[in-house]
N, C-alpha and C. Protein backbone atom coordinates (compact mmCIF):
# COMPACT_ATOMS: atom_id res chain seq x y z
N MET A 1 -115.99 -286.19 -19.41
CA MET A 1 -115.39 -285.68 -20.60
C MET A 1 -113.88 -285.87 -20.55
N LEU A 2 -113.35 -286.23 -21.65
CA LEU A 2 -111.93 -286.52 -21.76
C LEU A 2 -111.19 -285.26 -22.17
N LYS A 3 -110.12 -285.03 -21.48
CA LYS A 3 -109.36 -283.83 -21.78
C LYS A 3 -107.99 -284.25 -22.31
N LEU A 4 -107.69 -283.78 -23.48
CA LEU A 4 -106.39 -284.11 -24.07
C LEU A 4 -105.43 -282.96 -23.85
N THR A 5 -104.29 -283.34 -23.47
CA THR A 5 -103.24 -282.32 -23.34
C THR A 5 -102.11 -282.72 -24.26
N LEU A 6 -101.63 -281.80 -24.95
CA LEU A 6 -100.54 -282.04 -25.89
C LEU A 6 -99.25 -281.49 -25.33
N ASP A 7 -98.26 -282.30 -25.48
CA ASP A 7 -96.94 -281.86 -25.05
C ASP A 7 -96.26 -281.23 -26.26
N ASN A 8 -95.97 -279.98 -26.17
CA ASN A 8 -95.37 -279.25 -27.30
C ASN A 8 -94.00 -279.79 -27.69
N SER A 9 -93.34 -280.46 -26.81
CA SER A 9 -92.00 -280.96 -27.12
C SER A 9 -92.04 -282.06 -28.17
N VAL A 10 -93.20 -282.72 -28.30
CA VAL A 10 -93.33 -283.77 -29.30
C VAL A 10 -93.30 -283.17 -30.71
N PHE A 11 -93.86 -282.00 -30.89
CA PHE A 11 -93.98 -281.37 -32.19
C PHE A 11 -92.87 -280.39 -32.52
N MET A 12 -92.06 -280.10 -31.62
CA MET A 12 -90.98 -279.13 -31.84
C MET A 12 -89.66 -279.85 -32.06
N ARG A 13 -88.92 -279.37 -33.02
CA ARG A 13 -87.63 -279.93 -33.29
C ARG A 13 -86.59 -279.27 -32.42
N LYS A 14 -85.62 -280.06 -32.08
CA LYS A 14 -84.55 -279.55 -31.24
C LYS A 14 -83.74 -278.54 -32.04
N ILE A 15 -83.39 -277.48 -31.44
CA ILE A 15 -82.56 -276.46 -32.09
C ILE A 15 -81.13 -276.98 -32.12
N GLU A 16 -80.55 -276.94 -33.36
CA GLU A 16 -79.20 -277.46 -33.53
C GLU A 16 -78.23 -276.30 -33.72
N THR A 17 -77.04 -276.55 -33.27
CA THR A 17 -75.98 -275.57 -33.49
C THR A 17 -75.43 -275.80 -34.90
N LYS A 18 -74.62 -274.88 -35.37
CA LYS A 18 -74.02 -275.01 -36.70
C LYS A 18 -73.14 -276.24 -36.78
N GLU A 19 -72.42 -276.52 -35.73
CA GLU A 19 -71.54 -277.68 -35.72
C GLU A 19 -72.34 -278.98 -35.79
N GLU A 20 -73.47 -279.02 -35.09
CA GLU A 20 -74.31 -280.22 -35.13
C GLU A 20 -74.92 -280.41 -36.53
N LYS A 21 -75.32 -279.31 -37.17
CA LYS A 21 -75.86 -279.41 -38.54
C LYS A 21 -74.79 -279.92 -39.50
N LYS A 22 -73.58 -279.37 -39.39
CA LYS A 22 -72.48 -279.81 -40.26
C LYS A 22 -72.17 -281.28 -40.05
N LEU A 23 -72.16 -281.69 -38.78
CA LEU A 23 -71.87 -283.08 -38.45
C LEU A 23 -72.95 -284.00 -39.03
N ARG A 24 -74.23 -283.61 -38.92
CA ARG A 24 -75.33 -284.40 -39.46
C ARG A 24 -75.25 -284.48 -40.98
N GLU A 25 -74.98 -283.36 -41.65
CA GLU A 25 -74.85 -283.34 -43.10
C GLU A 25 -73.67 -284.19 -43.56
N ARG A 26 -72.60 -284.11 -42.82
CA ARG A 26 -71.40 -284.89 -43.17
C ARG A 26 -71.69 -286.39 -43.05
N ARG A 27 -72.40 -286.79 -41.99
CA ARG A 27 -72.77 -288.20 -41.83
C ARG A 27 -73.64 -288.66 -42.99
N LYS A 28 -74.63 -287.82 -43.38
CA LYS A 28 -75.49 -288.17 -44.51
C LYS A 28 -74.68 -288.33 -45.79
N ASN A 29 -73.74 -287.42 -46.03
CA ASN A 29 -72.91 -287.48 -47.24
C ASN A 29 -72.02 -288.72 -47.25
N ILE A 30 -71.47 -289.07 -46.10
CA ILE A 30 -70.62 -290.26 -46.01
C ILE A 30 -71.44 -291.52 -46.27
N ILE A 31 -72.62 -291.60 -45.68
CA ILE A 31 -73.49 -292.77 -45.89
C ILE A 31 -73.90 -292.86 -47.35
N LEU A 32 -74.28 -291.73 -47.93
CA LEU A 32 -74.68 -291.71 -49.34
C LEU A 32 -73.51 -292.12 -50.25
N THR A 33 -72.33 -291.65 -49.95
CA THR A 33 -71.14 -292.01 -50.73
C THR A 33 -70.86 -293.51 -50.63
N ILE A 34 -70.97 -294.06 -49.44
CA ILE A 34 -70.73 -295.50 -49.25
C ILE A 34 -71.77 -296.32 -50.01
N VAL A 35 -73.02 -295.89 -49.98
CA VAL A 35 -74.08 -296.59 -50.70
C VAL A 35 -73.82 -296.55 -52.21
N ILE A 36 -73.44 -295.40 -52.74
CA ILE A 36 -73.18 -295.27 -54.17
C ILE A 36 -71.98 -296.14 -54.58
N ILE A 37 -70.92 -296.11 -53.79
CA ILE A 37 -69.74 -296.94 -54.08
C ILE A 37 -70.12 -298.41 -54.06
N PHE A 38 -70.92 -298.82 -53.08
CA PHE A 38 -71.36 -300.21 -52.99
C PHE A 38 -72.15 -300.60 -54.23
N ILE A 39 -73.07 -299.74 -54.65
CA ILE A 39 -73.88 -300.03 -55.84
C ILE A 39 -72.99 -300.16 -57.08
N MET A 40 -72.04 -299.25 -57.23
CA MET A 40 -71.16 -299.29 -58.40
C MET A 40 -70.30 -300.57 -58.40
N VAL A 41 -69.72 -300.90 -57.27
CA VAL A 41 -68.87 -302.09 -57.19
C VAL A 41 -69.71 -303.35 -57.39
N PHE A 42 -70.85 -303.42 -56.74
CA PHE A 42 -71.70 -304.59 -56.87
C PHE A 42 -72.21 -304.76 -58.29
N SER A 43 -72.64 -303.67 -58.93
CA SER A 43 -73.17 -303.78 -60.29
C SER A 43 -72.07 -304.20 -61.27
N THR A 44 -70.86 -303.69 -61.10
CA THR A 44 -69.74 -304.11 -61.95
C THR A 44 -69.44 -305.58 -61.74
N PHE A 45 -69.41 -305.99 -60.51
CA PHE A 45 -69.14 -307.39 -60.18
C PHE A 45 -70.25 -308.28 -60.75
N ALA A 46 -71.50 -307.88 -60.56
CA ALA A 46 -72.63 -308.67 -61.05
C ALA A 46 -72.60 -308.76 -62.58
N TYR A 47 -72.28 -307.66 -63.24
CA TYR A 47 -72.19 -307.67 -64.69
C TYR A 47 -71.09 -308.64 -65.15
N ALA A 48 -69.95 -308.58 -64.49
CA ALA A 48 -68.82 -309.45 -64.86
C ALA A 48 -69.18 -310.92 -64.67
N ILE A 49 -69.91 -311.23 -63.63
CA ILE A 49 -70.24 -312.63 -63.33
C ILE A 49 -71.40 -313.12 -64.19
N PHE A 50 -72.49 -312.36 -64.24
CA PHE A 50 -73.71 -312.86 -64.86
C PHE A 50 -73.82 -312.61 -66.36
N SER A 51 -73.03 -311.70 -66.91
CA SER A 51 -73.14 -311.44 -68.34
C SER A 51 -72.24 -312.36 -69.16
N ARG A 52 -71.40 -313.10 -68.53
CA ARG A 52 -70.51 -314.00 -69.25
C ARG A 52 -71.29 -315.19 -69.78
N GLU A 53 -71.15 -315.40 -71.05
CA GLU A 53 -71.73 -316.59 -71.66
C GLU A 53 -70.56 -317.43 -72.13
N ASP A 54 -70.59 -318.68 -71.81
CA ASP A 54 -69.51 -319.55 -72.23
C ASP A 54 -69.73 -319.94 -73.68
N ASN A 55 -69.43 -318.99 -74.56
CA ASN A 55 -69.58 -319.21 -75.98
C ASN A 55 -68.22 -319.56 -76.56
N PRO A 56 -68.02 -320.79 -77.00
CA PRO A 56 -66.71 -321.19 -77.49
C PRO A 56 -66.28 -320.43 -78.75
N ASN A 57 -67.24 -319.86 -79.48
CA ASN A 57 -66.90 -319.13 -80.70
C ASN A 57 -66.45 -317.70 -80.43
N GLU A 58 -66.61 -317.23 -79.20
CA GLU A 58 -66.39 -315.83 -78.90
C GLU A 58 -64.99 -315.34 -79.26
N ARG A 59 -64.00 -316.16 -79.11
CA ARG A 59 -62.64 -315.71 -79.32
C ARG A 59 -61.98 -316.35 -80.54
N ILE A 60 -62.77 -316.72 -81.50
CA ILE A 60 -62.23 -317.38 -82.69
C ILE A 60 -61.57 -316.34 -83.59
N LYS A 61 -60.39 -316.70 -84.05
CA LYS A 61 -59.67 -315.88 -85.02
C LYS A 61 -59.28 -316.81 -86.17
N ILE A 62 -59.62 -316.40 -87.39
CA ILE A 62 -59.32 -317.20 -88.57
C ILE A 62 -58.55 -316.32 -89.55
N ARG A 63 -57.52 -316.90 -90.13
CA ARG A 63 -56.73 -316.17 -91.13
C ARG A 63 -57.06 -316.73 -92.52
N ILE A 64 -57.55 -315.86 -93.41
CA ILE A 64 -57.91 -316.25 -94.76
C ILE A 64 -57.24 -315.28 -95.73
N ASN A 65 -56.50 -315.83 -96.69
CA ASN A 65 -55.80 -315.01 -97.69
C ASN A 65 -54.96 -313.90 -97.04
N GLY A 66 -54.30 -314.23 -95.94
CA GLY A 66 -53.44 -313.25 -95.27
C GLY A 66 -54.17 -312.21 -94.45
N ARG A 67 -55.46 -312.37 -94.28
CA ARG A 67 -56.25 -311.40 -93.51
C ARG A 67 -56.89 -312.10 -92.32
N ASP A 68 -56.85 -311.45 -91.15
CA ASP A 68 -57.45 -312.01 -89.93
C ASP A 68 -58.92 -311.64 -89.85
N PHE A 69 -59.74 -312.62 -89.50
CA PHE A 69 -61.17 -312.43 -89.25
C PHE A 69 -61.45 -312.86 -87.82
N PHE A 70 -62.19 -312.05 -87.09
CA PHE A 70 -62.50 -312.32 -85.69
C PHE A 70 -64.00 -312.48 -85.53
N TYR A 71 -64.40 -313.54 -84.84
CA TYR A 71 -65.82 -313.76 -84.55
C TYR A 71 -66.17 -312.93 -83.33
N ASN A 72 -67.24 -312.14 -83.41
CA ASN A 72 -67.57 -311.24 -82.29
C ASN A 72 -68.53 -311.85 -81.28
N GLY A 73 -68.93 -313.10 -81.45
CA GLY A 73 -69.83 -313.74 -80.49
C GLY A 73 -71.29 -313.46 -80.74
N TYR A 74 -71.62 -312.60 -81.71
CA TYR A 74 -73.01 -312.25 -82.00
C TYR A 74 -73.41 -312.62 -83.42
N GLY A 75 -72.62 -313.48 -84.05
CA GLY A 75 -72.96 -313.94 -85.38
C GLY A 75 -72.26 -313.20 -86.51
N TYR A 76 -71.35 -312.30 -86.20
CA TYR A 76 -70.67 -311.53 -87.23
C TYR A 76 -69.16 -311.75 -87.20
N TRP A 77 -68.56 -311.60 -88.37
CA TRP A 77 -67.11 -311.68 -88.52
C TRP A 77 -66.57 -310.29 -88.79
N LEU A 78 -65.49 -309.94 -88.13
CA LEU A 78 -64.88 -308.62 -88.27
C LEU A 78 -63.49 -308.76 -88.87
N THR A 79 -63.14 -307.79 -89.71
CA THR A 79 -61.77 -307.71 -90.24
C THR A 79 -61.43 -306.24 -90.45
N GLN A 80 -60.16 -306.00 -90.75
CA GLN A 80 -59.72 -304.63 -90.98
C GLN A 80 -58.97 -304.54 -92.30
N LYS A 81 -59.09 -303.38 -92.89
CA LYS A 81 -58.34 -303.08 -94.11
C LYS A 81 -58.00 -301.60 -94.06
N GLU A 82 -56.72 -301.30 -94.20
CA GLU A 82 -56.25 -299.92 -94.20
C GLU A 82 -56.76 -299.15 -92.98
N GLY A 83 -56.75 -299.81 -91.83
CA GLY A 83 -57.15 -299.18 -90.58
C GLY A 83 -58.65 -299.05 -90.36
N LYS A 84 -59.45 -299.53 -91.30
CA LYS A 84 -60.91 -299.46 -91.15
C LYS A 84 -61.45 -300.84 -90.83
N SER A 85 -62.48 -300.88 -89.99
CA SER A 85 -63.10 -302.15 -89.61
C SER A 85 -64.31 -302.43 -90.50
N PHE A 86 -64.47 -303.71 -90.83
CA PHE A 86 -65.60 -304.15 -91.65
C PHE A 86 -66.25 -305.35 -90.98
N ILE A 87 -67.56 -305.49 -91.19
CA ILE A 87 -68.33 -306.55 -90.54
C ILE A 87 -69.10 -307.36 -91.59
N PHE A 88 -69.15 -308.69 -91.38
CA PHE A 88 -69.79 -309.59 -92.34
C PHE A 88 -70.55 -310.68 -91.62
N ASN A 89 -71.52 -311.28 -92.31
CA ASN A 89 -72.24 -312.44 -91.79
C ASN A 89 -71.45 -313.74 -92.02
N ASN A 90 -70.72 -313.79 -93.13
CA ASN A 90 -70.03 -315.00 -93.56
C ASN A 90 -68.56 -314.71 -93.82
N LEU A 91 -67.77 -315.75 -93.74
CA LEU A 91 -66.35 -315.65 -94.09
C LEU A 91 -66.21 -315.69 -95.61
N PRO A 92 -65.10 -315.19 -96.14
CA PRO A 92 -64.92 -315.20 -97.60
C PRO A 92 -65.02 -316.59 -98.23
N ASN A 93 -64.52 -317.61 -97.54
CA ASN A 93 -64.58 -318.96 -98.12
C ASN A 93 -66.00 -319.50 -98.19
N GLU A 94 -66.95 -318.88 -97.45
CA GLU A 94 -68.35 -319.30 -97.51
C GLU A 94 -69.11 -318.63 -98.66
N THR A 95 -68.47 -317.63 -99.28
CA THR A 95 -69.13 -316.91 -100.37
C THR A 95 -68.33 -316.97 -101.67
N LYS A 96 -67.22 -317.70 -101.66
CA LYS A 96 -66.32 -317.68 -102.83
C LYS A 96 -66.95 -318.27 -104.09
N ASN A 97 -67.94 -319.14 -103.97
CA ASN A 97 -68.57 -319.74 -105.15
C ASN A 97 -69.78 -318.96 -105.66
N ILE A 98 -70.03 -317.81 -105.08
CA ILE A 98 -71.17 -316.99 -105.51
C ILE A 98 -70.70 -316.08 -106.64
N TYR A 99 -71.44 -316.12 -107.74
CA TYR A 99 -71.09 -315.27 -108.89
C TYR A 99 -71.35 -313.80 -108.54
N VAL A 100 -70.35 -312.95 -108.82
CA VAL A 100 -70.47 -311.51 -108.64
C VAL A 100 -70.03 -310.84 -109.93
N ASP A 101 -70.93 -310.05 -110.54
CA ASP A 101 -70.61 -309.31 -111.76
C ASP A 101 -69.43 -308.37 -111.53
N ASN A 102 -68.92 -307.83 -112.61
CA ASN A 102 -67.85 -306.84 -112.53
C ASN A 102 -68.39 -305.57 -111.88
N LEU A 103 -67.76 -305.15 -110.80
CA LEU A 103 -68.23 -303.99 -110.04
C LEU A 103 -67.32 -302.78 -110.24
N LYS A 104 -66.42 -302.86 -111.22
CA LYS A 104 -65.37 -301.85 -111.40
C LYS A 104 -65.93 -300.43 -111.48
N ASP A 105 -67.00 -300.21 -112.20
CA ASP A 105 -67.53 -298.86 -112.41
C ASP A 105 -68.52 -298.42 -111.34
N LEU A 106 -68.77 -299.26 -110.35
CA LEU A 106 -69.76 -298.94 -109.32
C LEU A 106 -69.15 -298.02 -108.27
N ASN A 107 -69.74 -296.84 -108.12
CA ASN A 107 -69.22 -295.85 -107.18
C ASN A 107 -70.40 -295.14 -106.51
N TYR A 108 -70.47 -295.24 -105.18
CA TYR A 108 -71.59 -294.65 -104.45
C TYR A 108 -71.26 -293.29 -103.83
N LYS A 109 -70.07 -292.80 -104.06
CA LYS A 109 -69.64 -291.55 -103.42
C LYS A 109 -70.54 -290.39 -103.82
N GLY A 110 -71.17 -289.78 -102.83
CA GLY A 110 -72.03 -288.62 -103.07
C GLY A 110 -73.34 -288.93 -103.75
N LYS A 111 -73.68 -290.19 -103.88
CA LYS A 111 -74.91 -290.58 -104.59
C LYS A 111 -76.01 -290.96 -103.59
N LYS A 112 -77.24 -290.75 -104.00
CA LYS A 112 -78.38 -291.24 -103.24
C LYS A 112 -78.56 -292.71 -103.60
N VAL A 113 -78.62 -293.56 -102.61
CA VAL A 113 -78.75 -295.00 -102.85
C VAL A 113 -80.13 -295.44 -102.37
N TYR A 114 -80.83 -296.18 -103.23
CA TYR A 114 -82.17 -296.65 -102.92
C TYR A 114 -82.16 -298.17 -102.80
N PHE A 115 -82.85 -298.68 -101.80
CA PHE A 115 -82.96 -300.12 -101.58
C PHE A 115 -84.37 -300.57 -101.94
N VAL A 116 -84.43 -301.67 -102.68
CA VAL A 116 -85.72 -302.25 -103.07
C VAL A 116 -85.84 -303.63 -102.45
N ASN A 117 -86.97 -303.88 -101.79
CA ASN A 117 -87.22 -305.16 -101.09
C ASN A 117 -86.11 -305.46 -100.08
N SER A 118 -85.69 -304.46 -99.35
CA SER A 118 -84.52 -304.62 -98.48
C SER A 118 -84.71 -305.72 -97.45
N LYS A 119 -83.63 -306.40 -97.18
CA LYS A 119 -83.56 -307.47 -96.19
C LYS A 119 -82.71 -306.95 -95.03
N PRO A 120 -82.70 -307.66 -93.90
CA PRO A 120 -81.88 -307.20 -92.77
C PRO A 120 -80.40 -306.98 -93.11
N SER A 121 -79.88 -307.72 -94.07
CA SER A 121 -78.46 -307.58 -94.39
C SER A 121 -78.13 -306.25 -95.08
N PHE A 122 -79.16 -305.47 -95.45
CA PHE A 122 -78.86 -304.17 -96.06
C PHE A 122 -78.09 -303.28 -95.09
N SER A 123 -78.28 -303.50 -93.79
CA SER A 123 -77.57 -302.67 -92.81
C SER A 123 -76.06 -302.89 -92.90
N LEU A 124 -75.62 -304.08 -93.31
CA LEU A 124 -74.18 -304.31 -93.47
C LEU A 124 -73.63 -303.49 -94.63
N ILE A 125 -74.42 -303.29 -95.66
CA ILE A 125 -73.98 -302.45 -96.78
C ILE A 125 -73.78 -301.02 -96.28
N ILE A 126 -74.74 -300.52 -95.52
CA ILE A 126 -74.64 -299.16 -94.98
C ILE A 126 -73.45 -299.05 -94.04
N ASP A 127 -73.27 -300.04 -93.17
CA ASP A 127 -72.16 -300.00 -92.20
C ASP A 127 -70.79 -300.07 -92.86
N ASN A 128 -70.67 -300.85 -93.93
CA ASN A 128 -69.37 -301.10 -94.52
C ASN A 128 -68.96 -300.13 -95.63
N ILE A 129 -69.92 -299.52 -96.30
CA ILE A 129 -69.58 -298.60 -97.39
C ILE A 129 -69.81 -297.17 -96.90
N GLU A 130 -68.73 -296.55 -96.48
CA GLU A 130 -68.86 -295.22 -95.88
C GLU A 130 -69.25 -294.16 -96.90
N ASP A 131 -69.10 -294.43 -98.19
CA ASP A 131 -69.50 -293.46 -99.22
C ASP A 131 -71.01 -293.28 -99.28
N ILE A 132 -71.77 -294.26 -98.77
CA ILE A 132 -73.23 -294.13 -98.78
C ILE A 132 -73.64 -293.25 -97.61
N THR A 133 -74.01 -292.02 -97.95
CA THR A 133 -74.41 -291.08 -96.91
C THR A 133 -75.91 -290.82 -96.91
N PHE A 134 -76.57 -291.16 -98.03
CA PHE A 134 -78.02 -291.01 -98.10
C PHE A 134 -78.60 -292.30 -98.66
N PHE A 135 -79.57 -292.86 -97.98
CA PHE A 135 -80.22 -294.06 -98.49
C PHE A 135 -81.70 -294.03 -98.12
N GLN A 136 -82.48 -294.70 -98.95
CA GLN A 136 -83.92 -294.71 -98.74
C GLN A 136 -84.49 -295.96 -99.40
N GLU A 137 -85.58 -296.43 -98.89
CA GLU A 137 -86.32 -297.53 -99.50
C GLU A 137 -87.04 -296.97 -100.73
N ALA A 138 -87.18 -297.79 -101.77
CA ALA A 138 -87.85 -297.35 -102.99
C ALA A 138 -88.60 -298.52 -103.61
N CYS A 139 -89.34 -298.23 -104.67
CA CYS A 139 -90.09 -299.24 -105.40
C CYS A 139 -89.71 -299.20 -106.87
N LEU A 140 -90.00 -300.31 -107.56
CA LEU A 140 -89.73 -300.39 -109.00
C LEU A 140 -90.98 -300.11 -109.83
N ASP A 141 -92.17 -300.18 -109.20
CA ASP A 141 -93.41 -300.00 -109.95
C ASP A 141 -94.41 -299.16 -109.16
N GLU A 142 -95.46 -298.75 -109.89
CA GLU A 142 -96.46 -297.86 -109.31
C GLU A 142 -97.28 -298.53 -108.21
N LYS A 143 -97.60 -299.81 -108.39
CA LYS A 143 -98.40 -300.53 -107.39
C LYS A 143 -97.69 -300.54 -106.03
N CYS A 144 -96.43 -300.90 -106.05
CA CYS A 144 -95.63 -300.91 -104.81
C CYS A 144 -95.55 -299.51 -104.23
N SER A 145 -95.33 -298.54 -105.10
CA SER A 145 -95.20 -297.15 -104.65
C SER A 145 -96.45 -296.66 -103.94
N GLU A 146 -97.63 -297.01 -104.49
CA GLU A 146 -98.89 -296.61 -103.88
C GLU A 146 -99.12 -297.33 -102.55
N GLU A 147 -98.80 -298.63 -102.51
CA GLU A 147 -99.00 -299.41 -101.28
C GLU A 147 -98.08 -298.96 -100.14
N LYS A 148 -96.84 -298.69 -100.47
CA LYS A 148 -95.84 -298.38 -99.44
C LYS A 148 -95.52 -296.90 -99.31
N ASN A 149 -96.10 -296.10 -100.21
CA ASN A 149 -95.85 -294.66 -100.21
C ASN A 149 -94.35 -294.37 -100.35
N LEU A 150 -93.75 -294.99 -101.34
CA LEU A 150 -92.32 -294.82 -101.61
C LEU A 150 -92.12 -294.34 -103.04
N PRO A 151 -90.98 -293.71 -103.31
CA PRO A 151 -90.73 -293.24 -104.68
C PRO A 151 -90.45 -294.41 -105.64
N ILE A 152 -90.75 -294.19 -106.90
CA ILE A 152 -90.44 -295.18 -107.95
C ILE A 152 -89.06 -294.83 -108.51
N LYS A 153 -88.20 -295.83 -108.59
CA LYS A 153 -86.84 -295.62 -109.10
C LYS A 153 -86.52 -296.69 -110.13
N ASP A 154 -85.53 -296.39 -110.98
CA ASP A 154 -85.07 -297.38 -111.96
C ASP A 154 -83.55 -297.35 -112.01
N CYS A 155 -82.95 -298.03 -112.99
CA CYS A 155 -81.50 -298.18 -113.02
C CYS A 155 -80.75 -296.92 -113.44
N SER A 156 -81.45 -295.84 -113.70
CA SER A 156 -80.75 -294.56 -113.89
C SER A 156 -80.39 -293.99 -112.52
N ASP A 157 -81.06 -294.49 -111.46
CA ASP A 157 -80.73 -294.14 -110.08
C ASP A 157 -79.83 -295.24 -109.52
N TYR A 158 -79.24 -295.00 -108.37
CA TYR A 158 -78.41 -296.02 -107.73
C TYR A 158 -79.30 -296.88 -106.86
N LEU A 159 -79.56 -298.09 -107.36
CA LEU A 159 -80.47 -299.01 -106.69
C LEU A 159 -79.74 -300.26 -106.24
N ILE A 160 -80.09 -300.75 -105.05
CA ILE A 160 -79.66 -302.06 -104.59
C ILE A 160 -80.93 -302.85 -104.37
N ILE A 161 -81.12 -303.88 -105.19
CA ILE A 161 -82.37 -304.64 -105.21
C ILE A 161 -82.12 -306.02 -104.62
N PHE A 162 -82.92 -306.38 -103.64
CA PHE A 162 -82.89 -307.74 -103.08
C PHE A 162 -83.99 -308.53 -103.77
N LYS A 163 -83.60 -309.67 -104.35
CA LYS A 163 -84.55 -310.45 -105.15
C LYS A 163 -84.53 -311.90 -104.69
N ASP A 164 -85.71 -312.45 -104.45
CA ASP A 164 -85.81 -313.87 -104.10
C ASP A 164 -85.48 -314.70 -105.33
N SER A 165 -84.68 -315.75 -105.11
CA SER A 165 -84.28 -316.61 -106.21
C SER A 165 -83.72 -317.91 -105.64
N GLU A 166 -83.74 -318.96 -106.45
CA GLU A 166 -83.14 -320.23 -106.04
C GLU A 166 -81.62 -320.13 -106.04
N GLU A 167 -81.09 -319.33 -106.96
CA GLU A 167 -79.64 -319.19 -107.11
C GLU A 167 -79.17 -317.91 -106.43
N THR A 168 -78.08 -318.02 -105.69
CA THR A 168 -77.51 -316.84 -105.04
C THR A 168 -76.42 -316.27 -105.94
N ARG A 169 -76.58 -315.00 -106.30
CA ARG A 169 -75.60 -314.33 -107.15
C ARG A 169 -75.79 -312.82 -107.05
N VAL A 170 -74.80 -312.09 -107.57
CA VAL A 170 -74.83 -310.63 -107.54
C VAL A 170 -74.67 -310.13 -108.97
N LEU A 171 -75.69 -309.42 -109.46
CA LEU A 171 -75.70 -308.93 -110.83
C LEU A 171 -75.70 -307.41 -110.84
N LYS A 172 -75.13 -306.85 -111.90
CA LYS A 172 -75.10 -305.39 -112.04
C LYS A 172 -75.65 -305.02 -113.41
N ASP A 173 -76.57 -304.06 -113.42
CA ASP A 173 -77.13 -303.54 -114.66
C ASP A 173 -77.16 -302.02 -114.54
N LYS A 174 -76.28 -301.33 -115.25
CA LYS A 174 -76.11 -299.86 -115.15
C LYS A 174 -75.81 -299.53 -113.69
N ASN A 175 -76.70 -298.76 -113.04
CA ASN A 175 -76.49 -298.40 -111.63
C ASN A 175 -77.23 -299.31 -110.67
N CYS A 176 -77.84 -300.35 -111.18
CA CYS A 176 -78.59 -301.29 -110.34
C CYS A 176 -77.69 -302.45 -109.92
N LEU A 177 -77.75 -302.76 -108.68
CA LEU A 177 -77.08 -303.93 -108.14
C LEU A 177 -78.19 -304.86 -107.66
N VAL A 178 -78.20 -306.09 -108.16
CA VAL A 178 -79.25 -307.04 -107.80
C VAL A 178 -78.62 -308.17 -106.99
N LEU A 179 -79.07 -308.31 -105.74
CA LEU A 179 -78.61 -309.37 -104.85
C LEU A 179 -79.68 -310.45 -104.83
N GLU A 180 -79.38 -311.56 -105.48
CA GLU A 180 -80.38 -312.63 -105.62
C GLU A 180 -80.11 -313.77 -104.66
N GLY A 181 -81.18 -314.46 -104.27
CA GLY A 181 -81.06 -315.66 -103.44
C GLY A 181 -80.85 -315.34 -101.98
N ASP A 182 -79.93 -316.06 -101.35
CA ASP A 182 -79.60 -315.89 -99.93
C ASP A 182 -79.05 -314.48 -99.73
N SER A 183 -79.85 -313.61 -99.14
CA SER A 183 -79.47 -312.19 -99.05
C SER A 183 -78.20 -311.96 -98.23
N GLU A 184 -78.01 -312.74 -97.16
CA GLU A 184 -76.81 -312.56 -96.34
C GLU A 184 -75.55 -312.93 -97.12
N LYS A 185 -75.58 -314.08 -97.79
CA LYS A 185 -74.40 -314.51 -98.56
C LYS A 185 -74.17 -313.60 -99.77
N ALA A 186 -75.24 -313.22 -100.45
CA ALA A 186 -75.10 -312.32 -101.60
C ALA A 186 -74.53 -310.97 -101.16
N THR A 187 -75.01 -310.46 -100.03
CA THR A 187 -74.51 -309.19 -99.51
C THR A 187 -73.03 -309.30 -99.19
N ASP A 188 -72.63 -310.37 -98.51
CA ASP A 188 -71.22 -310.54 -98.17
C ASP A 188 -70.35 -310.71 -99.41
N ALA A 189 -70.82 -311.51 -100.39
CA ALA A 189 -70.05 -311.70 -101.62
C ALA A 189 -69.84 -310.36 -102.32
N PHE A 190 -70.89 -309.55 -102.39
CA PHE A 190 -70.79 -308.20 -102.97
C PHE A 190 -69.79 -307.36 -102.20
N LEU A 191 -69.93 -307.31 -100.88
CA LEU A 191 -69.06 -306.46 -100.07
C LEU A 191 -67.59 -306.89 -100.16
N TYR A 192 -67.33 -308.19 -100.11
CA TYR A 192 -65.94 -308.65 -100.21
C TYR A 192 -65.31 -308.18 -101.52
N LYS A 193 -66.05 -308.27 -102.61
CA LYS A 193 -65.49 -307.86 -103.90
C LYS A 193 -65.43 -306.35 -104.02
N PHE A 194 -66.51 -305.66 -103.62
CA PHE A 194 -66.57 -304.20 -103.74
C PHE A 194 -65.49 -303.52 -102.90
N LEU A 195 -65.26 -304.03 -101.71
CA LEU A 195 -64.26 -303.43 -100.79
C LEU A 195 -62.84 -303.92 -101.08
N GLY A 196 -62.71 -304.88 -101.99
CA GLY A 196 -61.38 -305.40 -102.33
C GLY A 196 -60.76 -306.23 -101.24
N ILE A 197 -61.59 -306.91 -100.47
CA ILE A 197 -61.07 -307.73 -99.37
C ILE A 197 -60.71 -309.14 -99.87
N THR A 198 -61.39 -309.63 -100.91
CA THR A 198 -61.02 -310.93 -101.47
C THR A 198 -60.74 -310.78 -102.96
C-alpha cells in the first residue's frame, strides 16, 4: 500500500511583514503603471502611423467669392460664416447653374419640419440650419402613410420633399420646398442660397 505524506509547507503561504506587503504592492503598481504608459504611447504612435492616408485632397483650400472652403478628406467641403461652420457636398461653382426659387419668406425657426422621400443629403439640411429643432419623415398620401406608418402632410406644413427628376432644381410652393433631381447638388444649391453664402 502506498502512503502519501503531504508537506504542509507547500500549501501554506509565507507570512509577510507590513514592509514586505508594501514593497510587493508598490512593485505591482509600478509594473502596472509602466504597462499602461507603454500601451498609451504605443497606441498613439500606432494611430499616428497607421491611420494616415496619403489623400492629396485632404488639405485643399479653395477661395470662392471671397470665402474659403476646406476639403475635409471625407467628401465634404467646410466653410464659415459669422463664426458658424457649414458643411456641403459640392462647392458653390458646382451648383451655380441650378435653378433655386425665391426663398425670401422661408423661415424654419420654431417650426416642425417634415421630410418626404428623404435622401442621405437631408442630414446636411439638419446640420446646417440650426433653426430646425424638430424634424420627422412624412408622407403626401394615404397609401404611403399606411405602408410606412407616417403622418400625412401637405404644403400648409413645413415640408422638404425630395423628388426624382431628370432636371436638378429647387422649387418652393407655400411652405413646401421641393428638391428635384440630384439630391446632393439640389440640397447644396438650396443651402447656399438659404444661408446667404452665395
